[in-house]
Amino acid sequence: MTSPLRYRYRQFGAVVVGSLAGSAVLVVALGLALGEPVLIFGGPVLISVATLLFYHLTVEIDATHLTFRLGIGPGQSH
């Protein structure tokens, strides 16, 4: 039987998303300056994956568990 949910908070990571977006722009600019297609295309793809993993934080607390999730990742109970 699941305990009733007592607290849930979800926070968007504006600083994380902004920092990663800026990093993607810098990686593309560096790739264009150096003529490296790997940086132009691969860098933003990897940074997009990092953004999906960390774009928000969800915290849930009930009578028996504290659960937290980052981005699209699974919850962890402690």
Protein backbone atom coordinates (compact mmCIF):
# COMPACT_ATOMS: atom_id res chain seq x y z
CA MET A 1 0.00 0.00 0.00
CA THR A 2 1.33 3.42 -0.98
CA SER A 3 1.46 6.19 1.61
CA PRO A 4 -0.48 9.35 0.79
CA LEU A 5 1.63 12.03 -0.85
CA ARG A 6 2.37 14.81 1.63
CA TYR A 7 4.72 17.09 -0.30
CA ARG A 8 5.75 17.52 -3.93
CA TYR A 9 7.89 20.24 -5.41
CA ARG A 10 9.13 20.63 -8.97
CA GLN A 11 11.72 23.23 -9.91
CA PHE A 12 12.83 24.17 -13.41
CA GLY A 13 16.60 24.51 -13.73
CA ALA A 14 16.81 27.86 -15.52
CA VAL A 15 20.48 28.33 -14.64
CA VAL A 16 21.36 24.81 -15.81
CA VAL A 17 19.43 25.15 -19.07
CA GLY A 18 20.85 28.62 -19.73
CA SER A 19 24.41 27.49 -19.01
CA LEU A 20 24.09 24.44 -21.23
CA ALA A 21 22.52 26.49 -24.05
CA GLY A 22 25.40 28.96 -23.84
CA SER A 23 27.86 26.07 -23.86
CA ALA A 24 26.23 24.65 -26.99
CA VAL A 25 26.59 28.01 -28.75
CA LEU A 26 30.26 28.24 -27.74
CA VAL A 27 30.97 24.68 -28.92
CA VAL A 28 29.36 25.39 -32.30
CA ALA A 29 31.33 28.65 -32.62
CA LEU A 30 34.54 26.82 -31.75
CA GLY A 31 33.70 24.10 -34.28
CA LEU A 32 33.08 26.70 -36.98
CA ALA A 33 36.33 28.51 -36.16
CA LEU A 34 38.34 25.28 -36.26
CA GLY A 35 36.41 23.70 -39.13
CA GLU A 36 35.57 20.64 -37.02
CA PRO A 37 32.23 19.03 -37.95
CA VAL A 38 32.38 16.86 -34.81
CA LEU A 39 32.17 19.97 -32.63
CA ILE A 40 29.54 21.62 -34.84
CA PHE A 41 27.14 18.65 -34.74
CA GLY A 42 28.28 16.34 -31.93
CA GLY A 43 28.75 18.96 -29.23
CA PRO A 44 25.18 20.26 -29.27
CA VAL A 45 23.83 16.69 -29.35
CA LEU A 46 25.75 15.76 -26.20
CA ILE A 47 24.79 19.01 -24.49
CA SER A 48 21.13 18.37 -25.39
CA VAL A 49 21.33 14.98 -23.68
CA ALA A 50 22.78 16.65 -20.57
CA THR A 51 19.95 19.20 -20.68
CA LEU A 52 17.34 16.43 -20.75
CA LEU A 53 18.97 14.78 -17.75
CA PHE A 54 19.13 17.91 -15.58
CA TYR A 55 16.45 20.40 -16.73
CA HIS A 56 14.25 20.01 -13.65
CA LEU A 57 14.26 18.67 -10.11
CA THR A 58 11.25 16.94 -8.55
CA VAL A 59 11.12 16.16 -4.83
CA GLU A 60 8.32 14.06 -3.29
CA ILE A 61 7.97 13.27 0.41
CA ASP A 62 5.42 10.95 2.02
CA ALA A 63 5.23 9.22 5.39
CA THR A 64 7.96 6.70 4.54
CA HIS A 65 9.99 7.93 1.55
CA LEU A 66 11.90 10.85 0.14
CA THR A 67 12.01 10.57 -3.66
CA PHE A 68 13.86 12.86 -6.03
CA ARG A 69 14.22 12.96 -9.80
CA LEU A 70 16.39 15.04 -12.10
CA GLY A 71 15.15 15.65 -15.64
CA ILE A 72 13.90 12.49 -17.29
CA GLY A 73 15.81 10.24 -14.89
CA PRO A 74 14.16 7.68 -12.61
CA GLY A 75 13.32 8.53 -9.01
CA GLN A 76 15.60 7.52 -6.15
CA SER A 77 14.16 6.71 -2.71
CA HIS A 78 16.11 7.33 0.51
